[in-house]
Amino acid sequence: MALIMDYQALYTAANNVVVAIDIRTLQHASPDILASIKNQMIFIRDNAAAGRNPSDELAPGAKFTYAILASREFASPEELVLQDLIDKVTSILIRK
């Protein structure tokens, strides 16, 4: 039996990443990388709010890149806190 995506949990997890990016000063992270991750999280959050699987709403051939960007970019303790929030989004998305 397939699991049903918890859209409320996905919304909350993605929104937590957006808020964390907005309130934290990450000195070593590239602003462009943070902007890309934030934009992807907004896309995920907004689709979850509408009860849609964000993965299904991507353009044909498009993929989320936020996890790869984060894993390459983040290393400091403060950045790893953000990485944990991002990992929560991924775990919800792949649990479908």
PDB file of N, CA and C in Angstrom:
ATOM      1  N   MET A   1       0.840  -1.183   0.000  1.00  0.00           N
ATOM      2  CA  MET A   1       0.000   0.000   0.000  1.00  0.00           C
ATOM      3  C   MET A   1       0.887   1.247   0.000  1.00  0.00           C
ATOM      4  N   ALA A   2       0.637   2.164  -0.917  1.00  0.00           N
ATOM      5  CA  ALA A   2       1.433   3.388  -1.015  1.00  0.00           C
ATOM      6  C   ALA A   2       1.084   4.339   0.123  1.00  0.00           C
ATOM      7  N   LEU A   3       2.088   5.000   0.610  1.00  0.00           N
ATOM      8  CA  LEU A   3       1.859   5.998   1.657  1.00  0.00           C
ATOM      9  C   LEU A   3       1.330   7.285   1.046  1.00  0.00           C
ATOM     10  N   ILE A   4       0.502   7.978   1.779  1.00  0.00           N
ATOM     11  CA  ILE A   4      -0.036   9.262   1.335  1.00  0.00           C
ATOM     12  C   ILE A   4       0.874  10.360   1.876  1.00  0.00           C
ATOM     13  N   MET A   5       1.223  11.296   1.001  1.00  0.00           N
ATOM     14  CA  MET A   5       2.104  12.381   1.420  1.00  0.00           C
ATOM     15  C   MET A   5       1.402  13.261   2.446  1.00  0.00           C
ATOM     16  N   ASP A   6       2.125  13.616   3.475  1.00  0.00           N
ATOM     17  CA  ASP A   6       1.623  14.516   4.507  1.00  0.00           C
ATOM     18  C   ASP A   6       1.929  15.952   4.065  1.00  0.00           C
ATOM     19  N   TYR A   7       0.970  16.555   3.386  1.00  0.00           N
ATOM     20  CA  TYR A   7       1.184  17.888   2.818  1.00  0.00           C
ATOM     21  C   TYR A   7       1.389  18.947   3.892  1.00  0.00           C
ATOM     22  N   GLN A   8       0.727  18.794   5.019  1.00  0.00           N
ATOM     23  CA  GLN A   8       0.909  19.766   6.104  1.00  0.00           C
ATOM     24  C   GLN A   8       2.334  19.694   6.641  1.00  0.00           C
ATOM     25  N   ALA A   9       2.845  18.488   6.843  1.00  0.00           N
ATOM     26  CA  ALA A   9       4.226  18.328   7.321  1.00  0.00           C
ATOM     27  C   ALA A   9       5.219  18.853   6.290  1.00  0.00           C
ATOM     28  N   LEU A  10       4.939  18.617   5.006  1.00  0.00           N
ATOM     29  CA  LEU A  10       5.819  19.112   3.944  1.00  0.00           C
ATOM     30  C   LEU A  10       5.796  20.633   3.901  1.00  0.00           C
ATOM     31  N   TYR A  11       4.608  21.209   4.005  1.00  0.00           N
ATOM     32  CA  TYR A  11       4.483  22.666   4.039  1.00  0.00           C
ATOM     33  C   TYR A  11       5.310  23.242   5.185  1.00  0.00           C
ATOM     34  N   THR A  12       5.148  22.677   6.360  1.00  0.00           N
ATOM     35  CA  THR A  12       5.853  23.173   7.542  1.00  0.00           C
ATOM     36  C   THR A  12       7.362  23.025   7.383  1.00  0.00           C
ATOM     37  N   ALA A  13       7.805  21.874   6.908  1.00  0.00           N
ATOM     38  CA  ALA A  13       9.242  21.628   6.748  1.00  0.00           C
ATOM     39  C   ALA A  13       9.860  22.590   5.733  1.00  0.00           C
ATOM     40  N   ALA A  14       9.204  22.781   4.593  1.00  0.00           N
ATOM     41  CA  ALA A  14       9.723  23.697   3.573  1.00  0.00           C
ATOM     42  C   ALA A  14       9.702  25.136   4.077  1.00  0.00           C
ATOM     43  N   ASN A  15       8.645  25.500   4.776  1.00  0.00           N
ATOM     44  CA  ASN A  15       8.558  26.854   5.317  1.00  0.00           C
ATOM     45  C   ASN A  15       9.645  27.094   6.366  1.00  0.00           C
ATOM     46  N   ASN A  16       9.974  26.075   7.153  1.00  0.00           N
ATOM     47  CA  ASN A  16      11.048  26.208   8.136  1.00  0.00           C
ATOM     48  C   ASN A  16      12.383  26.528   7.462  1.00  0.00           C
ATOM     49  N   VAL A  17      12.625  25.947   6.297  1.00  0.00           N
ATOM     50  CA  VAL A  17      13.853  26.245   5.550  1.00  0.00           C
ATOM     51  C   VAL A  17      13.829  27.698   5.069  1.00  0.00           C
ATOM     52  N   VAL A  18      12.702  28.118   4.520  1.00  0.00           N
ATOM     53  CA  VAL A  18      12.578  29.505   4.036  1.00  0.00           C
ATOM     54  C   VAL A  18      12.836  30.487   5.176  1.00  0.00           C
ATOM     55  N   VAL A  19      12.211  30.252   6.311  1.00  0.00           N
ATOM     56  CA  VAL A  19      12.388  31.135   7.468  1.00  0.00           C
ATOM     57  C   VAL A  19      13.838  31.122   7.931  1.00  0.00           C
ATOM     58  N   ALA A  20      14.436  29.947   7.989  1.00  0.00           N
ATOM     59  CA  ALA A  20      15.830  29.844   8.437  1.00  0.00           C
ATOM     60  C   ALA A  20      16.768  30.610   7.512  1.00  0.00           C
ATOM     61  N   ILE A  21      16.532  30.532   6.225  1.00  0.00           N
ATOM     62  CA  ILE A  21      17.366  31.287   5.271  1.00  0.00           C
ATOM     63  C   ILE A  21      17.168  32.776   5.481  1.00  0.00           C
ATOM     64  N   ASP A  22      15.928  33.180   5.736  1.00  0.00           N
ATOM     65  CA  ASP A  22      15.634  34.607   5.915  1.00  0.00           C
ATOM     66  C   ASP A  22      16.233  35.181   7.199  1.00  0.00           C
ATOM     67  N   ILE A  23      16.299  34.390   8.265  1.00  0.00           N
ATOM     68  CA  ILE A  23      16.736  34.961   9.547  1.00  0.00           C
ATOM     69  C   ILE A  23      18.194  34.695   9.888  1.00  0.00           C
ATOM     70  N   ARG A  24      18.804  33.723   9.240  1.00  0.00           N
ATOM     71  CA  ARG A  24      20.199  33.391   9.567  1.00  0.00           C
ATOM     72  C   ARG A  24      21.159  34.137   8.649  1.00  0.00           C
ATOM     73  N   THR A  25      22.278  34.523   9.213  1.00  0.00           N
ATOM     74  CA  THR A  25      23.361  35.079   8.418  1.00  0.00           C
ATOM     75  C   THR A  25      24.397  33.977   8.254  1.00  0.00           C
ATOM     76  N   LEU A  26      24.462  33.431   7.065  1.00  0.00           N
ATOM     77  CA  LEU A  26      25.410  32.357   6.781  1.00  0.00           C
ATOM     78  C   LEU A  26      26.574  32.970   6.008  1.00  0.00           C
ATOM     79  N   GLN A  27      27.636  33.227   6.714  1.00  0.00           N
ATOM     80  CA  GLN A  27      28.756  33.982   6.161  1.00  0.00           C
ATOM     81  C   GLN A  27      29.463  33.276   5.017  1.00  0.00           C
ATOM     82  N   HIS A  28      29.485  31.956   5.033  1.00  0.00           N
ATOM     83  CA  HIS A  28      30.276  31.239   4.038  1.00  0.00           C
ATOM     84  C   HIS A  28      29.451  30.683   2.892  1.00  0.00           C
ATOM     85  N   ALA A  29      28.148  30.789   2.980  1.00  0.00           N
ATOM     86  CA  ALA A  29      27.275  30.259   1.932  1.00  0.00           C
ATOM     87  C   ALA A  29      27.082  31.301   0.838  1.00  0.00           C
ATOM     88  N   SER A  30      27.085  30.842  -0.381  1.00  0.00           N
ATOM     89  CA  SER A  30      26.876  31.713  -1.535  1.00  0.00           C
ATOM     90  C   SER A  30      25.434  32.239  -1.541  1.00  0.00           C
ATOM     91  N   PRO A  31      25.272  33.546  -1.715  1.00  0.00           N
ATOM     92  CA  PRO A  31      23.910  34.104  -1.799  1.00  0.00           C
ATOM     93  C   PRO A  31      23.101  33.497  -2.950  1.00  0.00           C
ATOM     94  N   ASP A  32      23.759  33.177  -4.055  1.00  0.00           N
ATOM     95  CA  ASP A  32      23.054  32.578  -5.193  1.00  0.00           C
ATOM     96  C   ASP A  32      22.546  31.176  -4.864  1.00  0.00           C
ATOM     97  N   ILE A  33      23.358  30.412  -4.146  1.00  0.00           N
ATOM     98  CA  ILE A  33      22.953  29.065  -3.744  1.00  0.00           C
ATOM     99  C   ILE A  33      21.782  29.159  -2.770  1.00  0.00           C
ATOM    100  N   LEU A  34      21.886  30.051  -1.801  1.00  0.00           N
ATOM    101  CA  LEU A  34      20.795  30.227  -0.834  1.00  0.00           C
ATOM    102  C   LEU A  34      19.511  30.657  -1.536  1.00  0.00           C
ATOM    103  N   ALA A  35      19.622  31.537  -2.518  1.00  0.00           N
ATOM    104  CA  ALA A  35      18.439  31.986  -3.259  1.00  0.00           C
ATOM    105  C   ALA A  35      17.806  30.828  -4.027  1.00  0.00           C
ATOM    106  N   SER A  36      18.622  29.996  -4.628  1.00  0.00           N
ATOM    107  CA  SER A  36      18.101  28.848  -5.360  1.00  0.00           C
ATOM    108  C   SER A  36      17.396  27.872  -4.425  1.00  0.00           C
ATOM    109  N   ILE A  37      18.021  27.578  -3.298  1.00  0.00           N
ATOM    110  CA  ILE A  37      17.407  26.676  -2.324  1.00  0.00           C
ATOM    111  C   ILE A  37      16.096  27.278  -1.816  1.00  0.00           C
ATOM    112  N   LYS A  38      16.115  28.558  -1.489  1.00  0.00           N
ATOM    113  CA  LYS A  38      14.907  29.212  -0.990  1.00  0.00           C
ATOM    114  C   LYS A  38      13.787  29.164  -2.035  1.00  0.00           C
ATOM    115  N   ASN A  39      14.100  29.448  -3.287  1.00  0.00           N
ATOM    116  CA  ASN A  39      13.077  29.422  -4.336  1.00  0.00           C
ATOM    117  C   ASN A  39      12.477  28.024  -4.502  1.00  0.00           C
ATOM    118  N   GLN A  40      13.322  26.994  -4.414  1.00  0.00           N
ATOM    119  CA  GLN A  40      12.810  25.632  -4.514  1.00  0.00           C
ATOM    120  C   GLN A  40      11.925  25.295  -3.317  1.00  0.00           C
ATOM    121  N   MET A  41      12.307  25.778  -2.137  1.00  0.00           N
ATOM    122  CA  MET A  41      11.503  25.532  -0.940  1.00  0.00           C
ATOM    123  C   MET A  41      10.159  26.252  -1.022  1.00  0.00           C
ATOM    124  N   ILE A  42      10.137  27.442  -1.581  1.00  0.00           N
ATOM    125  CA  ILE A  42       8.880  28.167  -1.769  1.00  0.00           C
ATOM    126  C   ILE A  42       7.977  27.400  -2.733  1.00  0.00           C
ATOM    127  N   PHE A  43       8.558  26.873  -3.803  1.00  0.00           N
ATOM    128  CA  PHE A  43       7.805  26.060  -4.764  1.00  0.00           C
ATOM    129  C   PHE A  43       7.216  24.835  -4.064  1.00  0.00           C
ATOM    130  N   ILE A  44       8.033  24.150  -3.277  1.00  0.00           N
ATOM    131  CA  ILE A  44       7.569  22.967  -2.541  1.00  0.00           C
ATOM    132  C   ILE A  44       6.485  23.358  -1.549  1.00  0.00           C
ATOM    133  N   ARG A  45       6.734  24.406  -0.771  1.00  0.00           N
ATOM    134  CA  ARG A  45       5.776  24.859   0.243  1.00  0.00           C
ATOM    135  C   ARG A  45       4.431  25.221  -0.385  1.00  0.00           C
ATOM    136  N   ASP A  46       4.472  25.997  -1.461  1.00  0.00           N
ATOM    137  CA  ASP A  46       3.235  26.472  -2.073  1.00  0.00           C
ATOM    138  C   ASP A  46       2.434  25.331  -2.699  1.00  0.00           C
ATOM    139  N   ASN A  47       3.123  24.367  -3.295  1.00  0.00           N
ATOM    140  CA  ASN A  47       2.414  23.215  -3.843  1.00  0.00           C
ATOM    141  C   ASN A  47       1.843  22.348  -2.737  1.00  0.00           C
ATOM    142  N   ALA A  48       2.585  22.176  -1.657  1.00  0.00           N
ATOM    143  CA  ALA A  48       2.074  21.408  -0.523  1.00  0.00           C
ATOM    144  C   ALA A  48       0.833  22.082   0.053  1.00  0.00           C
ATOM    145  N   ALA A  49       0.857  23.415   0.128  1.00  0.00           N
ATOM    146  CA  ALA A  49      -0.298  24.153   0.646  1.00  0.00           C
ATOM    147  C   ALA A  49      -1.536  23.928  -0.215  1.00  0.00           C
ATOM    148  N   ALA A  50      -1.315  23.704  -1.500  1.00  0.00           N
ATOM    149  CA  ALA A  50      -2.424  23.467  -2.426  1.00  0.00           C
ATOM    150  C   ALA A  50      -2.783  21.983  -2.527  1.00  0.00           C
ATOM    151  N   GLY A  51      -2.096  21.136  -1.738  1.00  0.00           N
ATOM    152  CA  GLY A  51      -2.402  19.709  -1.754  1.00  0.00           C
ATOM    153  C   GLY A  51      -1.871  18.983  -2.973  1.00  0.00           C
ATOM    154  N   ARG A  52      -0.819  19.535  -3.574  1.00  0.00           N
ATOM    155  CA  ARG A  52      -0.212  18.916  -4.753  1.00  0.00           C
ATOM    156  C   ARG A  52       1.184  18.409  -4.410  1.00  0.00           C
ATOM    157  N   ASN A  53       1.548  17.289  -4.991  1.00  0.00           N
ATOM    158  CA  ASN A  53       2.900  16.765  -4.832  1.00  0.00           C
ATOM    159  C   ASN A  53       3.837  17.646  -5.656  1.00  0.00           C
ATOM    160  N   PRO A  54       4.760  18.345  -5.016  1.00  0.00           N
ATOM    161  CA  PRO A  54       5.651  19.247  -5.751  1.00  0.00           C
ATOM    162  C   PRO A  54       6.456  18.551  -6.845  1.00  0.00           C
ATOM    163  N   SER A  55       6.811  17.313  -6.629  1.00  0.00           N
ATOM    164  CA  SER A  55       7.579  16.577  -7.646  1.00  0.00           C
ATOM    165  C   SER A  55       6.773  16.408  -8.924  1.00  0.00           C
ATOM    166  N   ASP A  56       5.463  16.253  -8.787  1.00  0.00           N
ATOM    167  CA  ASP A  56       4.592  16.098  -9.951  1.00  0.00           C
ATOM    168  C   ASP A  56       4.368  17.417 -10.681  1.00  0.00           C
ATOM    169  N   GLU A  57       4.650  18.526 -10.024  1.00  0.00           N
ATOM    170  CA  GLU A  57       4.385  19.849 -10.602  1.00  0.00           C
ATOM    171  C   GLU A  57       5.597  20.422 -11.338  1.00  0.00           C
ATOM    172  N   LEU A  58       6.730  19.737 -11.270  1.00  0.00           N
ATOM    173  CA  LEU A  58       7.921  20.194 -11.983  1.00  0.00           C
ATOM    174  C   LEU A  58       7.714  20.083 -13.492  1.00  0.00           C
ATOM    175  N   ALA A  59       8.369  20.950 -14.228  1.00  0.00           N
ATOM    176  CA  ALA A  59       8.332  20.864 -15.684  1.00  0.00           C
ATOM    177  C   ALA A  59       8.962  19.533 -16.116  1.00  0.00           C
ATOM    178  N   PRO A  60       8.540  19.008 -17.259  1.00  0.00           N
ATOM    179  CA  PRO A  60       9.122  17.746 -17.728  1.00  0.00           C
ATOM    180  C   PRO A  60      10.655  17.834 -17.787  1.00  0.00           C
ATOM    181  N   GLY A  61      11.294  16.842 -17.218  1.00  0.00           N
ATOM    182  CA  GLY A  61      12.753  16.786 -17.214  1.00  0.00           C
ATOM    183  C   GLY A  61      13.421  17.573 -16.099  1.00  0.00           C
ATOM    184  N   ALA A  62      12.657  18.385 -15.387  1.00  0.00           N
ATOM    185  CA  ALA A  62      13.228  19.192 -14.298  1.00  0.00           C
ATOM    186  C   ALA A  62      13.325  18.344 -13.035  1.00  0.00           C
ATOM    187  N   LYS A  63      14.304  18.684 -12.212  1.00  0.00           N
ATOM    188  CA  LYS A  63      14.501  17.992 -10.936  1.00  0.00           C
ATOM    189  C   LYS A  63      14.823  19.018  -9.871  1.00  0.00           C
ATOM    190  N   PHE A  64      14.534  18.662  -8.641  1.00  0.00           N
ATOM    191  CA  PHE A  64      14.960  19.495  -7.530  1.00  0.00           C
ATOM    192  C   PHE A  64      16.471  19.342  -7.363  1.00  0.00           C
ATOM    193  N   THR A  65      17.148  20.459  -7.120  1.00  0.00           N
ATOM    194  CA  THR A  65      18.600  20.438  -6.944  1.00  0.00           C
ATOM    195  C   THR A  65      19.017  20.934  -5.559  1.00  0.00           C
ATOM    196  N   TYR A  66      18.051  21.308  -4.733  1.00  0.00           N
ATOM    197  CA  TYR A  66      18.379  21.919  -3.445  1.00  0.00           C
ATOM    198  C   TYR A  66      19.254  21.037  -2.567  1.00  0.00           C
ATOM    199  N   ALA A  67      19.021  19.730  -2.558  1.00  0.00           N
ATOM    200  CA  ALA A  67      19.791  18.832  -1.682  1.00  0.00           C
ATOM    201  C   ALA A  67      21.248  18.748  -2.133  1.00  0.00           C
ATOM    202  N   ILE A  68      21.465  18.703  -3.430  1.00  0.00           N
ATOM    203  CA  ILE A  68      22.838  18.657  -3.961  1.00  0.00           C
ATOM    204  C   ILE A  68      23.546  19.965  -3.664  1.00  0.00           C
ATOM    205  N   LEU A  69      22.857  21.070  -3.900  1.00  0.00           N
ATOM    206  CA  LEU A  69      23.455  22.384  -3.622  1.00  0.00           C
ATOM    207  C   LEU A  69      23.840  22.500  -2.152  1.00  0.00           C
ATOM    208  N   ALA A  70      22.944  22.100  -1.280  1.00  0.00           N
ATOM    209  CA  ALA A  70      23.206  22.200   0.160  1.00  0.00           C
ATOM    210  C   ALA A  70      24.369  21.309   0.569  1.00  0.00           C
ATOM    211  N   SER A  71      24.409  20.095   0.045  1.00  0.00           N
ATOM    212  CA  SER A  71      25.475  19.175   0.454  1.00  0.00           C
ATOM    213  C   SER A  71      26.842  19.660  -0.011  1.00  0.00           C
ATOM    214  N   ARG A  72      26.894  20.364  -1.113  1.00  0.00           N
ATOM    215  CA  ARG A  72      28.165  20.905  -1.625  1.00  0.00           C
ATOM    216  C   ARG A  72      28.558  22.197  -0.935  1.00  0.00           C
ATOM    217  N   GLU A  73      27.577  22.946  -0.488  1.00  0.00           N
ATOM    218  CA  GLU A  73      27.816  24.302   0.016  1.00  0.00           C
ATOM    219  C   GLU A  73      28.012  24.383   1.527  1.00  0.00           C
ATOM    220  N   PHE A  74      27.283  23.584   2.277  1.00  0.00           N
ATOM    221  CA  PHE A  74      27.218  23.783   3.723  1.00  0.00           C
ATOM    222  C   PHE A  74      28.249  22.944   4.467  1.00  0.00           C
ATOM    223  N   ALA A  75      28.948  23.586   5.400  1.00  0.00           N
ATOM    224  CA  ALA A  75      29.951  22.877   6.203  1.00  0.00           C
ATOM    225  C   ALA A  75      30.012  23.369   7.645  1.00  0.00           C
ATOM    226  N   SER A  76      29.740  24.648   7.885  1.00  0.00           N
ATOM    227  CA  SER A  76      29.856  25.194   9.241  1.00  0.00           C
ATOM    228  C   SER A  76      28.720  24.673  10.116  1.00  0.00           C
ATOM    229  N   PRO A  77      28.887  24.720  11.424  1.00  0.00           N
ATOM    230  CA  PRO A  77      27.813  24.248  12.323  1.00  0.00           C
ATOM    231  C   PRO A  77      26.471  24.939  12.063  1.00  0.00           C
ATOM    232  N   GLU A  78      26.496  26.225  11.820  1.00  0.00           N
ATOM    233  CA  GLU A  78      25.260  26.969  11.542  1.00  0.00           C
ATOM    234  C   GLU A  78      24.621  26.485  10.235  1.00  0.00           C
ATOM    235  N   GLU A  79      25.454  26.240   9.239  1.00  0.00           N
ATOM    236  CA  GLU A  79      24.938  25.756   7.959  1.00  0.00           C
ATOM    237  C   GLU A  79      24.389  24.336   8.082  1.00  0.00           C
ATOM    238  N   LEU A  80      24.992  23.542   8.946  1.00  0.00           N
ATOM    239  CA  LEU A  80      24.512  22.171   9.126  1.00  0.00           C
ATOM    240  C   LEU A  80      23.149  22.126   9.797  1.00  0.00           C
ATOM    241  N   VAL A  81      22.818  23.150  10.579  1.00  0.00           N
ATOM    242  CA  VAL A  81      21.461  23.266  11.129  1.00  0.00           C
ATOM    243  C   VAL A  81      20.469  23.425   9.973  1.00  0.00           C
ATOM    244  N   LEU A  82      20.816  24.262   9.018  1.00  0.00           N
ATOM    245  CA  LEU A  82      19.977  24.450   7.836  1.00  0.00           C
ATOM    246  C   LEU A  82      19.914  23.151   7.026  1.00  0.00           C
ATOM    247  N   GLN A  83      21.029  22.465   6.916  1.00  0.00           N
ATOM    248  CA  GLN A  83      21.064  21.189   6.197  1.00  0.00           C
ATOM    249  C   GLN A  83      20.075  20.197   6.816  1.00  0.00           C
ATOM    250  N   ASP A  84      20.000  20.154   8.134  1.00  0.00           N
ATOM    251  CA  ASP A  84      19.052  19.265   8.808  1.00  0.00           C
ATOM    252  C   ASP A  84      17.607  19.600   8.445  1.00  0.00           C
ATOM    253  N   LEU A  85      17.305  20.885   8.357  1.00  0.00           N
ATOM    254  CA  LEU A  85      15.953  21.305   7.970  1.00  0.00           C
ATOM    255  C   LEU A  85      15.651  20.882   6.532  1.00  0.00           C
ATOM    256  N   ILE A  86      16.641  21.016   5.670  1.00  0.00           N
ATOM    257  CA  ILE A  86      16.490  20.620   4.264  1.00  0.00           C
ATOM    258  C   ILE A  86      16.303  19.113   4.155  1.00  0.00           C
ATOM    259  N   ASP A  87      17.059  18.363   4.945  1.00  0.00           N
ATOM    260  CA  ASP A  87      16.934  16.905   4.927  1.00  0.00           C
ATOM    261  C   ASP A  87      15.530  16.462   5.335  1.00  0.00           C
ATOM    262  N   LYS A  88      14.889  17.203   6.226  1.00  0.00           N
ATOM    263  CA  LYS A  88      13.520  16.891   6.643  1.00  0.00           C
ATOM    264  C   LYS A  88      12.564  17.006   5.458  1.00  0.00           C
ATOM    265  N   VAL A  89      12.750  18.046   4.646  1.00  0.00           N
ATOM    266  CA  VAL A  89      11.913  18.212   3.442  1.00  0.00           C
ATOM    267  C   VAL A  89      12.099  17.017   2.529  1.00  0.00           C
ATOM    268  N   THR A  90      13.341  16.643   2.296  1.00  0.00           N
ATOM    269  CA  THR A  90      13.633  15.516   1.406  1.00  0.00           C
ATOM    270  C   THR A  90      12.993  14.235   1.927  1.00  0.00           C
ATOM    271  N   SER A  91      13.089  13.996   3.225  1.00  0.00           N
ATOM    272  CA  SER A  91      12.532  12.761   3.773  1.00  0.00           C
ATOM    273  C   SER A  91      11.023  12.691   3.581  1.00  0.00           C
ATOM    274  N   ILE A  92      10.355  13.814   3.669  1.00  0.00           N
ATOM    275  CA  ILE A  92       8.898  13.837   3.444  1.00  0.00           C
ATOM    276  C   ILE A  92       8.590  13.625   1.966  1.00  0.00           C
ATOM    277  N   LEU A  93       9.345  14.268   1.098  1.00  0.00           N
ATOM    278  CA  LEU A  93       9.105  14.132  -0.349  1.00  0.00           C
ATOM    279  C   LEU A  93       9.297  12.705  -0.841  1.00  0.00           C
ATOM    280  N   ILE A  94      10.285  12.022  -0.321  1.00  0.00           N
ATOM    281  CA  ILE A  94      10.570  10.674  -0.833  1.00  0.00           C
ATOM    282  C   ILE A  94       9.742   9.593  -0.146  1.00  0.00           C
ATOM    283  N   ARG A  95       9.017   9.969   0.878  1.00  0.00           N
ATOM    284  CA  ARG A  95       8.184   9.018   1.626  1.00  0.00           C
ATOM    285  C   ARG A  95       6.876   8.695   0.916  1.00  0.00           C
ATOM    286  N   LYS A  96       6.597   9.352  -0.160  1.00  0.00           N
ATOM    287  CA  LYS A  96       5.314   9.186  -0.822  1.00  0.00           C
ATOM    288  C   LYS A  96       5.001   7.745  -1.026  1.00  0.00           C
TER     289      LYS A  96
END
